[in-house]
């Protein structure tokens, strides 16, 4: 038998939003690329309960809705669901096998592979897949904020010369990262993977799966405190990435972040530093804001320099650019190639995206996620963007902050008042904490208000627009944690403007 390339997986992955991952190589013909049952058993340590031993699989899917003929269905068990209930359904759709942690009551006609834990099995399959790609370089990025932006930036740089596999969207957890890594094949030069976490041990497991050659901790801030107690807990959890890197790997270190610096004091790996710190190997000088047009700065890599413009705005995105440049340097990209890639980068969905409304108001959509540090960055960036115009700040809760939640939301309210924003509309369980802090810091009640629902905020905005208190050229920032779905407000605002025009 010969190893065969899979020309199918990339098209399936690109067209599907499902948790599905194809295998690029397997023991098969070029017309029917698969993994054998033996490979799956070897990777997972599972045992076959029923079915024929000669089976092969086109791809692995954890989404029963997206099953295609020849797929291997992996039945994940969650708090709200048990995919074991869908075994019969996926077999009827053409699944060629299933991986389960409990034997189904009715055994199907296809191979059933029994494992101790299906989530672990998913990671083990990805780790086995990665181990086959001996020439592949794996880059891993984590951090409290900016990791998706850095991942997209470095991918944009590398794609000018290399075949890059990268984390899809924010598939950065114990399910998403393996599914992002599974499609890797021998055509790929590098995999750029994002790692997220909520609890201790998760980054360690992701590092075990991905086996990175190059690792970056972008920053350590107060996020996911509910499962980590405090910021030192965040530092320990993020530090699992550096701790799991092979001794000949490379560590990309934010020299501006003291907690990141502490993690590498005794590290044997090569260190590539970045930051505004003068001692950083990769740094930025002569930074200039162009408002909504982006940022201009001089990039320094050792003794080389290049002037460039990035389309994203805010000082935090200059640091994100430096992190991406440092990672690209590890792949032997020169400064001109790096500057060209950064200049070509386009901001990712719902991350500080500027949208001009029909009425001429400018909306900053930063609704993807939120923690105290990213809130501060967004508010300070808004201050630069508005340049004397009025500003409306619409904020949802910052989630998963545990015992720090009240203090963190009060900090945000105080910051809004300090920056002299014109209006603050808060939504969520901690909305009153935000607005009360803002009022104590100088905003009057009509400026800082809490709301029970998004529709009430839209009604209030409509009233301000009709009264001429918000006009063409004024700015609106919308931000909150992912669970708050603050982008709904932008969609409703668009509908409001369309209705007013008609």
Protein backbone atom coordinates (compact mmCIF):
# COMPACT_ATOMS: atom_id res chain seq x y z
CA UNK A 1 0.00 0.00 0.00
CA UNK A 2 1.13 3.55 -0.61
CA UNK A 3 0.62 6.82 1.22
CA UNK A 4 -1.88 8.91 -0.70
CA UNK A 5 -2.56 12.64 -0.65
CA UNK A 6 -6.00 13.86 0.28
CA UNK A 7 -7.17 16.52 -2.16
CA UNK A 8 -10.62 16.56 -0.59
CA UNK A 9 -10.14 17.68 3.00
CA UNK A 10 -9.32 21.33 2.35
CA UNK A 11 -12.49 21.95 0.37
CA UNK A 12 -14.62 20.21 3.00
CA UNK A 13 -13.02 22.18 5.81
CA UNK A 14 -13.39 25.49 4.01
CA UNK A 15 -17.07 24.97 3.20
CA UNK A 16 -18.19 23.57 6.53
CA UNK A 17 -18.58 25.29 9.86
CA UNK A 18 -18.97 21.94 11.57
CA UNK A 19 -16.63 20.18 13.92
CA UNK A 20 -15.21 17.97 11.20
CA UNK A 21 -11.67 17.18 10.19
CA UNK A 22 -10.38 15.24 7.23
CA UNK A 23 -7.19 13.22 7.13
CA UNK A 24 -4.65 14.25 4.54
CA UNK A 25 -2.82 10.93 4.32
CA UNK A 26 -3.69 7.36 5.00
CA UNK A 27 -3.15 3.86 3.74
CA UNK A 28 -5.37 4.12 0.68
CA UNK A 29 -5.52 4.82 -3.01
CA UNK A 30 -5.40 8.38 -4.31
CA UNK A 31 -9.09 8.08 -5.27
CA UNK A 32 -10.21 7.17 -1.76
CA UNK A 33 -7.99 8.68 0.94
CA UNK A 34 -8.65 7.26 4.42
CA UNK A 35 -7.19 6.35 7.77
CA UNK A 36 -7.29 2.69 8.55
CA UNK A 37 -9.01 1.28 11.57
CA UNK A 38 -5.61 0.08 12.80
CA UNK A 39 -4.31 3.66 12.82
CA UNK A 40 -7.30 4.87 14.81
CA UNK A 41 -6.89 2.07 17.35
CA UNK A 42 -3.18 2.80 17.65
CA UNK A 43 -3.76 6.52 18.17
CA UNK A 44 -6.56 6.20 20.72
CA UNK A 45 -5.72 2.93 22.51
CA UNK A 46 -9.32 1.92 21.89
CA UNK A 47 -10.70 -1.53 21.18
CA UNK A 48 -13.14 -2.62 18.54
CA UNK A 49 -16.47 -3.85 19.88
CA UNK A 50 -18.05 -4.87 16.60
CA UNK A 51 -17.64 -4.46 12.86
CA UNK A 52 -15.03 -5.48 10.32
CA UNK A 53 -11.35 -4.82 10.89
CA UNK A 54 -10.58 -3.65 7.36
CA UNK A 55 -12.56 -0.43 7.62
CA UNK A 56 -11.18 2.97 6.59
CA UNK A 57 -12.41 6.52 7.15
CA UNK A 58 -12.41 9.68 5.07
CA UNK A 59 -12.56 12.15 7.96
CA UNK A 60 -13.44 12.51 11.64
CA UNK A 61 -16.50 14.46 12.75
CA UNK A 62 -17.95 15.31 16.13
CA UNK A 63 -21.01 16.94 14.55
CA UNK A 64 -23.80 14.49 13.75
CA UNK A 65 -25.43 17.08 11.50
CA UNK A 66 -22.40 17.27 9.19
CA UNK A 67 -21.69 13.56 8.74
CA UNK A 68 -20.86 12.44 5.22
CA UNK A 69 -20.44 8.98 3.76
CA UNK A 70 -17.19 7.40 4.94
CA UNK A 71 -16.75 9.59 8.03
CA UNK A 72 -15.76 8.34 11.47
CA UNK A 73 -18.12 9.81 14.07
CA UNK A 74 -16.59 10.62 17.46
CA UNK A 75 -19.34 10.83 20.09
CA UNK A 76 -18.35 13.56 22.53
CA UNK A 77 -20.04 13.68 25.91
CA UNK A 78 -20.93 17.13 27.24
CA UNK A 79 -22.80 18.64 30.16
CA UNK A 80 -25.82 19.37 27.98
CA UNK A 81 -25.66 16.55 25.46
CA UNK A 82 -24.47 13.01 24.85
CA UNK A 83 -23.59 12.35 21.22
CA UNK A 84 -24.02 8.61 21.84
CA UNK A 85 -27.72 9.25 21.18
CA UNK A 86 -26.91 10.11 17.56
CA UNK A 87 -25.07 6.90 16.64
CA UNK A 88 -27.99 5.38 14.78
CA UNK A 89 -28.63 8.66 12.95
CA UNK A 90 -25.01 9.05 11.73
CA UNK A 91 -24.82 5.44 10.59
CA UNK A 92 -27.97 5.99 8.54
CA UNK A 93 -26.24 9.01 6.98
CA UNK A 94 -23.29 6.89 5.91
CA UNK A 95 -20.81 7.03 8.78
CA UNK A 96 -18.24 4.25 8.33
CA UNK A 97 -17.57 3.89 12.06
CA UNK A 98 -18.07 5.43 15.49
CA UNK A 99 -15.90 6.12 18.53
CA UNK A 100 -17.74 5.92 21.83
CA UNK A 101 -17.03 5.85 25.57
CA UNK A 102 -20.05 3.60 26.25
CA UNK A 103 -21.34 0.76 24.14
CA UNK A 104 -24.61 1.67 22.37
CA UNK A 105 -27.68 -0.32 23.37
CA UNK A 106 -28.16 -1.28 19.74
CA UNK A 107 -24.90 -2.10 17.97
CA UNK A 108 -24.69 -0.73 14.44
CA UNK A 109 -23.36 -2.59 11.43
CA UNK A 110 -20.22 -0.42 11.24
CA UNK A 111 -17.13 -0.67 13.46
CA UNK A 112 -17.64 0.59 17.01
CA UNK A 113 -14.43 1.69 18.75
CA UNK A 114 -14.63 1.87 22.53
CA UNK A 115 -12.36 4.32 24.39
CA UNK A 116 -12.19 5.48 28.00
CA UNK A 117 -12.84 9.13 27.12
CA UNK A 118 -13.88 10.50 23.72
CA UNK A 119 -12.50 14.00 24.36
CA UNK A 120 -9.09 12.50 25.14
CA UNK A 121 -9.39 10.28 22.08
CA UNK A 122 -9.94 13.34 19.90
CA UNK A 123 -6.77 14.92 21.23
CA UNK A 124 -4.86 11.65 20.87
CA UNK A 125 -5.87 11.40 17.21
CA UNK A 126 -4.60 14.92 16.55
CA UNK A 127 -1.36 14.23 18.44
CA UNK A 128 -0.79 11.06 16.39
CA UNK A 129 -1.48 13.00 13.22
CA UNK A 130 1.00 15.69 14.18
CA UNK A 131 3.66 13.06 15.03
CA UNK A 132 3.57 11.78 11.44
CA UNK A 133 4.50 15.24 10.08
CA UNK A 134 8.16 15.27 11.05
CA UNK A 135 9.07 18.25 8.86
CA UNK A 136 6.13 20.35 10.04
CA UNK A 137 6.83 23.37 12.24
CA UNK A 138 4.12 24.03 14.80
CA UNK A 139 3.62 27.49 16.28
CA UNK A 140 1.42 27.98 19.35
CA UNK A 141 0.07 31.29 20.63
CA UNK A 142 -1.76 31.95 23.87
CA UNK A 143 -2.47 35.03 25.97
CA UNK A 144 -5.27 36.79 27.80
CA UNK A 145 -6.04 38.96 24.79
CA UNK A 146 -4.94 39.39 21.20
CA UNK A 147 -4.12 35.75 20.49
CA UNK A 148 -6.53 35.39 17.56
CA UNK A 149 -5.26 38.64 16.05
CA UNK A 150 -1.63 37.51 16.41
CA UNK A 151 -2.50 34.11 14.93
CA UNK A 152 -4.09 35.77 11.90
CA UNK A 153 -1.22 38.26 11.55
CA UNK A 154 1.55 35.67 11.59
CA UNK A 155 -0.43 33.46 9.20
CA UNK A 156 -0.78 36.37 6.78
CA UNK A 157 2.98 36.90 6.90
CA UNK A 158 3.89 33.23 6.43
CA UNK A 159 1.36 32.57 3.68
CA UNK A 160 3.42 34.69 1.27
CA UNK A 161 6.04 31.92 1.19
CA UNK A 162 4.63 28.82 2.90
CA UNK A 163 1.68 26.47 3.00
CA UNK A 164 0.04 27.30 6.33
CA UNK A 165 -2.52 25.41 8.39
CA UNK A 166 -4.06 27.60 11.07
CA UNK A 167 -6.68 27.45 13.79
CA UNK A 168 -10.09 28.03 12.26
CA UNK A 169 -11.74 31.04 13.87
CA UNK A 170 -11.29 30.62 17.59
CA UNK A 171 -11.15 26.80 17.64
CA UNK A 172 -8.64 27.00 20.47
CA UNK A 173 -9.93 24.66 23.18
CA UNK A 174 -9.73 20.92 23.86
CA UNK A 175 -12.20 20.27 21.05
CA UNK A 176 -11.33 23.03 18.62
CA UNK A 177 -7.55 22.72 18.56
CA UNK A 178 -7.50 18.98 17.70
CA UNK A 179 -10.09 19.55 14.98
CA UNK A 180 -7.96 22.38 13.57
CA UNK A 181 -4.84 20.21 13.61
CA UNK A 182 -6.29 16.96 12.24
CA UNK A 183 -6.35 18.11 8.57
CA UNK A 184 -2.57 18.64 8.48
CA UNK A 185 -0.71 16.83 5.71
CA UNK A 186 2.73 16.69 4.15
CA UNK A 187 2.04 19.71 1.96
CA UNK A 188 1.92 21.98 5.00
CA UNK A 189 5.10 23.75 6.05
CA UNK A 190 3.76 25.20 9.29
CA UNK A 191 0.73 25.03 11.57
CA UNK A 192 -0.24 28.17 13.51
CA UNK A 193 -2.40 27.19 16.47
CA UNK A 194 -4.22 29.29 19.03
CA UNK A 195 -4.58 27.97 22.57
CA UNK A 196 -7.26 29.10 25.00
CA UNK A 197 -8.20 27.87 28.45
CA UNK A 198 -10.56 28.26 31.37
CA UNK A 199 -8.94 25.94 33.90
CA UNK A 200 -5.48 24.80 34.98
CA UNK A 201 -4.12 21.92 32.93
CA UNK A 202 -5.89 22.77 29.68
CA UNK A 203 -2.91 24.54 28.08
CA UNK A 204 -0.67 21.66 29.21
CA UNK A 205 -2.94 19.19 27.40
CA UNK A 206 -3.10 21.35 24.27
CA UNK A 207 0.69 21.61 24.29
CA UNK A 208 0.95 17.83 24.59
CA UNK A 209 -1.34 17.43 21.57
CA UNK A 210 0.30 20.05 19.34
CA UNK A 211 3.95 19.50 20.37
CA UNK A 212 4.92 23.06 19.32
CA UNK A 213 8.35 24.09 18.07
CA UNK A 214 7.69 27.81 18.63
CA UNK A 215 5.56 29.20 21.44
CA UNK A 216 4.33 32.71 22.24
CA UNK A 217 2.57 34.02 25.34
CA UNK A 218 1.26 37.37 24.13
CA UNK A 219 0.30 38.74 27.56
CA UNK A 220 -1.05 37.79 30.97
CA UNK A 221 -4.06 39.76 32.17
CA UNK A 222 -7.10 39.35 34.39
CA UNK A 223 -9.24 36.97 32.33
CA UNK A 224 -10.96 33.65 33.16
CA UNK A 225 -10.43 34.38 36.84
CA UNK A 226 -13.44 32.31 37.83
CA UNK A 227 -11.53 29.08 37.24
CA UNK A 228 -8.07 30.41 38.14
CA UNK A 229 -8.67 32.49 41.30
CA UNK A 230 -6.39 35.43 40.44
CA UNK A 231 -3.95 36.78 37.88
CA UNK A 232 -1.13 34.67 39.27
CA UNK A 233 -3.31 31.66 38.56
CA UNK A 234 -3.67 32.94 34.99
CA UNK A 235 0.12 33.23 34.77
CA UNK A 236 0.62 29.66 35.95
CA UNK A 237 -1.97 28.35 33.50
CA UNK A 238 -0.55 30.28 30.53
CA UNK A 239 2.96 29.22 31.59
CA UNK A 240 2.03 25.60 30.88
CA UNK A 241 2.77 26.38 27.23
CA UNK A 242 6.39 27.37 27.84
CA UNK A 243 6.81 24.52 30.35
CA UNK A 244 5.76 21.97 27.74
CA UNK A 245 8.06 23.09 24.94
CA UNK A 246 10.95 20.88 23.88
CA UNK A 247 14.41 22.10 24.97
CA UNK A 248 15.39 22.99 21.40
CA UNK A 249 12.21 24.99 20.82
CA UNK A 250 11.87 28.78 20.70
CA UNK A 251 9.99 31.02 23.11
CA UNK A 252 8.50 34.32 21.93
CA UNK A 253 8.36 36.58 24.97
CA UNK A 254 6.57 39.89 25.58
CA UNK A 255 9.28 41.89 27.31
CA UNK A 256 6.73 44.52 28.38
CA UNK A 257 4.84 42.00 30.51
CA UNK A 258 6.60 41.23 33.80
CA UNK A 259 4.62 38.04 34.37
CA UNK A 260 5.60 36.67 30.96
CA UNK A 261 9.22 37.59 31.64
CA UNK A 262 9.16 35.69 34.92
CA UNK A 263 8.11 32.51 33.15
CA UNK A 264 11.37 32.29 31.17
CA UNK A 265 13.96 33.16 33.82
CA UNK A 266 15.44 29.66 33.80
CA UNK A 267 14.27 28.44 30.39
CA UNK A 268 16.85 26.54 28.32
CA UNK A 269 15.10 27.40 25.04
CA UNK A 270 16.11 30.20 22.69
CA UNK A 271 14.20 33.38 23.54
CA UNK A 272 12.99 35.91 20.97
CA UNK A 273 11.75 39.03 22.74
CA UNK A 274 9.34 41.71 21.54
CA UNK A 275 7.79 44.85 22.98
CA UNK A 276 8.20 48.60 23.35
CA UNK A 277 11.01 47.86 25.81
CA UNK A 278 14.33 49.13 24.44
CA UNK A 279 15.93 45.77 25.24
CA UNK A 280 13.49 43.85 23.04
CA UNK A 281 14.96 42.22 19.95
CA UNK A 282 11.81 43.13 18.02
CA UNK A 283 10.33 46.50 18.89
CA UNK A 284 8.47 49.51 17.56
CA UNK A 285 9.41 53.18 17.53
CA UNK A 286 7.89 56.38 16.12
CA UNK A 287 4.35 55.03 16.51
CA UNK A 288 1.68 57.25 14.98
CA UNK A 289 -2.08 56.80 14.96
CA UNK A 290 -3.96 57.43 11.71
CA UNK A 291 -7.32 57.16 13.41
CA UNK A 292 -9.66 54.76 11.63
CA UNK A 293 -7.01 54.22 8.94
CA UNK A 294 -4.76 52.28 11.31
CA UNK A 295 -1.30 52.74 12.80
CA UNK A 296 2.12 53.60 11.40
CA UNK A 297 5.35 52.63 13.13
CA UNK A 298 8.96 51.71 12.56
CA UNK A 299 9.60 48.00 13.04
CA UNK A 300 13.02 47.04 14.44
CA UNK A 301 14.31 43.48 14.15
CA UNK A 302 17.78 43.46 15.61
CA UNK A 303 19.70 46.06 13.66
CA UNK A 304 17.23 46.18 10.74
CA UNK A 305 14.29 48.52 10.46
CA UNK A 306 11.28 49.13 8.24
CA UNK A 307 8.50 51.70 8.26
CA UNK A 308 5.04 50.21 7.81
CA UNK A 309 1.33 50.80 8.18
CA UNK A 310 -1.13 48.31 9.66
CA UNK A 311 -4.86 48.55 9.00
CA UNK A 312 -5.80 47.88 12.62
CA UNK A 313 -5.75 50.66 15.20
CA UNK A 314 -4.79 51.06 18.83
CA UNK A 315 -1.50 50.74 20.70
CA UNK A 316 -2.38 47.16 21.64
CA UNK A 317 -2.37 46.20 17.97
CA UNK A 318 1.15 47.53 17.59
CA UNK A 319 2.18 45.02 20.27
CA UNK A 320 0.19 42.30 18.50
CA UNK A 321 2.10 43.16 15.32
CA UNK A 322 5.40 42.80 17.17
CA UNK A 323 4.38 39.40 18.52
CA UNK A 324 3.53 38.23 15.00
CA UNK A 325 6.82 39.62 13.69
CA UNK A 326 8.73 37.74 16.38
CA UNK A 327 7.01 34.48 15.50
CA UNK A 328 7.66 35.02 11.80
CA UNK A 329 11.32 35.70 12.55
CA UNK A 330 11.52 32.20 14.03
CA UNK A 331 10.56 30.92 10.58
CA UNK A 332 13.43 32.84 8.94
CA UNK A 333 11.22 35.51 7.39
CA UNK A 334 13.17 38.72 6.79
CA UNK A 335 12.06 42.18 7.85
CA UNK A 336 10.77 43.20 4.40
CA UNK A 337 8.65 40.06 4.14
CA UNK A 338 7.31 40.62 7.64
CA UNK A 339 6.51 44.29 6.98
CA UNK A 340 4.73 43.36 3.75
CA UNK A 341 2.64 40.69 5.50
CA UNK A 342 1.65 42.97 8.37
CA UNK A 343 0.63 45.69 5.93
CA UNK A 344 -1.62 43.19 4.14
CA UNK A 345 -3.34 42.02 7.33
CA UNK A 346 -7.08 42.72 7.66
CA UNK A 347 -8.66 42.86 11.15
CA UNK A 348 -10.58 39.77 12.17
CA UNK A 349 -14.37 39.66 12.55
CA UNK A 350 -15.80 41.55 15.56
CA UNK A 351 -12.37 42.72 16.73
CA UNK A 352 -12.13 46.50 16.62
CA UNK A 353 -13.85 46.68 13.24
CA UNK A 354 -14.99 50.13 12.15
CA UNK A 355 -18.29 50.37 10.33
CA UNK A 356 -19.79 53.56 8.91
CA UNK A 357 -23.55 53.58 9.33
CA UNK A 358 -25.92 54.95 6.73
CA UNK A 359 -26.48 58.05 8.84
CA UNK A 360 -22.76 58.76 9.02
CA UNK A 361 -22.14 57.55 12.56
CA UNK A 362 -19.06 55.41 13.11
CA UNK A 363 -19.47 52.12 14.97
CA UNK A 364 -16.57 50.18 16.48
CA UNK A 365 -17.52 46.51 16.66
CA UNK A 366 -15.37 44.91 19.35
CA UNK A 367 -18.03 42.48 20.44
CA UNK A 368 -16.02 39.28 20.18
CA UNK A 369 -14.87 39.17 23.82
CA UNK A 370 -13.93 41.27 26.80
CA UNK A 371 -11.81 41.41 29.93
CA UNK A 372 -10.61 44.43 31.94
CA UNK A 373 -7.41 44.89 29.91
CA UNK A 374 -9.14 44.65 26.53
CA UNK A 375 -11.88 47.00 27.76
CA UNK A 376 -9.24 49.55 28.70
CA UNK A 377 -7.54 49.16 25.31
CA UNK A 378 -10.82 49.58 23.44
CA UNK A 379 -11.84 52.68 25.42
CA UNK A 380 -8.46 54.34 24.97
CA UNK A 381 -8.54 53.54 21.27
CA UNK A 382 -12.02 55.06 21.00
CA UNK A 383 -10.64 58.19 22.62
CA UNK A 384 -8.08 58.44 19.83
CA UNK A 385 -10.52 57.61 17.04
CA UNK A 386 -13.24 60.09 17.92
CA UNK A 387 -10.94 63.12 17.85
CA UNK A 388 -13.29 65.55 19.51
CA UNK A 389 -16.55 64.00 18.30
CA UNK A 390 -19.17 62.65 20.70
CA UNK A 391 -18.93 59.04 21.83
CA UNK A 392 -21.42 56.44 23.00
CA UNK A 393 -20.07 53.41 24.86
CA UNK A 394 -22.34 50.33 24.90
CA UNK A 395 -20.96 47.64 27.17
CA UNK A 396 -22.02 44.13 28.11
CA UNK A 397 -20.79 42.06 31.02
CA UNK A 398 -17.24 40.73 31.23
CA UNK A 399 -17.79 37.08 32.10
CA UNK A 400 -15.76 34.50 34.03
CA UNK A 401 -14.06 36.99 36.36
CA UNK A 402 -15.17 35.25 39.54
CA UNK A 403 -14.72 37.20 42.76
CA UNK A 404 -13.11 40.07 40.84
CA UNK A 405 -16.26 40.72 38.79
CA UNK A 406 -17.65 43.66 40.77
CA UNK A 407 -14.31 45.45 41.08
CA UNK A 408 -13.51 44.89 37.41
CA UNK A 409 -16.83 46.33 36.24
CA UNK A 410 -16.46 49.31 38.53
CA UNK A 411 -13.01 49.91 37.03
CA UNK A 412 -14.57 50.02 33.56
CA UNK A 413 -17.20 52.53 34.66
CA UNK A 414 -14.55 54.76 36.24
CA UNK A 415 -12.49 54.57 33.03
CA UNK A 416 -15.44 55.61 30.85
CA UNK A 417 -15.95 58.66 33.05
CA UNK A 418 -12.23 59.48 33.17
CA UNK A 419 -12.05 59.47 29.38
CA UNK A 420 -15.06 61.83 29.30
CA UNK A 421 -17.23 59.71 27.03
CA UNK A 422 -20.61 61.32 26.40
CA UNK A 423 -22.89 58.35 27.01
CA UNK A 424 -22.53 54.97 28.72
CA UNK A 425 -25.15 52.27 28.23
CA UNK A 426 -24.54 49.08 30.22
CA UNK A 427 -26.22 45.70 29.90
CA UNK A 428 -26.03 42.56 32.04
CA UNK A 429 -25.77 41.36 35.61
CA UNK A 430 -23.03 43.87 36.45
CA UNK A 431 -24.48 46.83 34.55
CA UNK A 432 -25.33 48.72 37.74
CA UNK A 433 -21.75 48.34 39.00
CA UNK A 434 -20.50 49.95 35.79
CA UNK A 435 -22.92 52.86 35.77
CA UNK A 436 -22.73 53.59 39.50
CA UNK A 437 -18.93 53.83 39.28
CA UNK A 438 -19.21 56.10 36.27
CA UNK A 439 -21.63 58.40 38.07
CA UNK A 440 -19.43 58.58 41.15
CA UNK A 441 -16.58 59.55 38.83
CA UNK A 442 -18.43 62.46 37.27
CA UNK A 443 -21.02 61.29 34.75
CA UNK A 444 -24.60 62.44 35.38
CA UNK A 445 -27.47 59.89 35.51
CA UNK A 446 -28.76 60.69 32.03
CA UNK A 447 -25.29 59.94 30.63
CA UNK A 448 -24.66 56.65 32.39
CA UNK A 449 -27.58 54.22 32.35
CA UNK A 450 -28.23 50.52 32.86
CA UNK A 451 -30.66 48.60 30.69
CA UNK A 452 -32.52 45.31 30.99
CA UNK A 453 -32.43 44.43 27.29
CA UNK A 454 -30.82 45.27 23.97
CA UNK A 455 -34.05 46.62 22.49
CA UNK A 456 -34.15 49.28 25.22
CA UNK A 457 -30.67 50.42 24.26
CA UNK A 458 -31.74 50.69 20.61
CA UNK A 459 -34.76 52.77 21.67
CA UNK A 460 -32.50 55.08 23.66
CA UNK A 461 -30.09 55.45 20.72
CA UNK A 462 -33.01 56.20 18.43
CA UNK A 463 -34.14 58.94 20.78
CA UNK A 464 -30.66 60.50 20.87
CA UNK A 465 -30.44 60.39 17.06
CA UNK A 466 -33.86 61.97 16.58
CA UNK A 467 -33.01 64.68 19.11
CA UNK A 468 -29.80 65.46 17.23
CA UNK A 469 -27.62 64.59 20.23
CA UNK A 470 -25.81 61.93 18.19
CA UNK A 471 -25.10 62.93 14.62
CA UNK A 472 -22.98 62.17 11.60
CA UNK A 473 -19.32 61.67 12.55
CA UNK A 474 -19.99 60.64 16.15
CA UNK A 475 -18.67 57.31 17.44
CA UNK A 476 -20.31 54.27 19.05
CA UNK A 477 -18.27 51.49 20.71
CA UNK A 478 -19.96 48.12 21.26
CA UNK A 479 -18.11 45.61 23.44
CA UNK A 480 -18.77 42.70 25.80
CA UNK A 481 -17.92 39.08 26.43
CA UNK A 482 -18.83 36.52 23.76
CA UNK A 483 -21.74 35.20 25.79
CA UNK A 484 -23.39 38.64 25.71
CA UNK A 485 -23.66 38.66 21.88
CA UNK A 486 -23.34 42.41 21.74
CA UNK A 487 -23.15 42.34 17.93
CA UNK A 488 -26.94 42.03 18.01
CA UNK A 489 -27.07 45.72 18.91
CA UNK A 490 -25.16 46.64 15.76
CA UNK A 491 -27.52 44.54 13.64
CA UNK A 492 -30.53 46.22 15.28
CA UNK A 493 -28.98 49.65 14.76
CA UNK A 494 -28.58 48.88 11.06
CA UNK A 495 -32.24 47.91 10.87
CA UNK A 496 -33.18 51.09 12.70
CA UNK A 497 -31.33 53.23 10.17
CA UNK A 498 -32.84 51.35 7.26
CA UNK A 499 -36.28 51.92 8.72
CA UNK A 500 -35.68 55.63 9.21
CA UNK A 501 -34.59 55.97 5.56
CA UNK A 502 -37.68 54.19 4.28
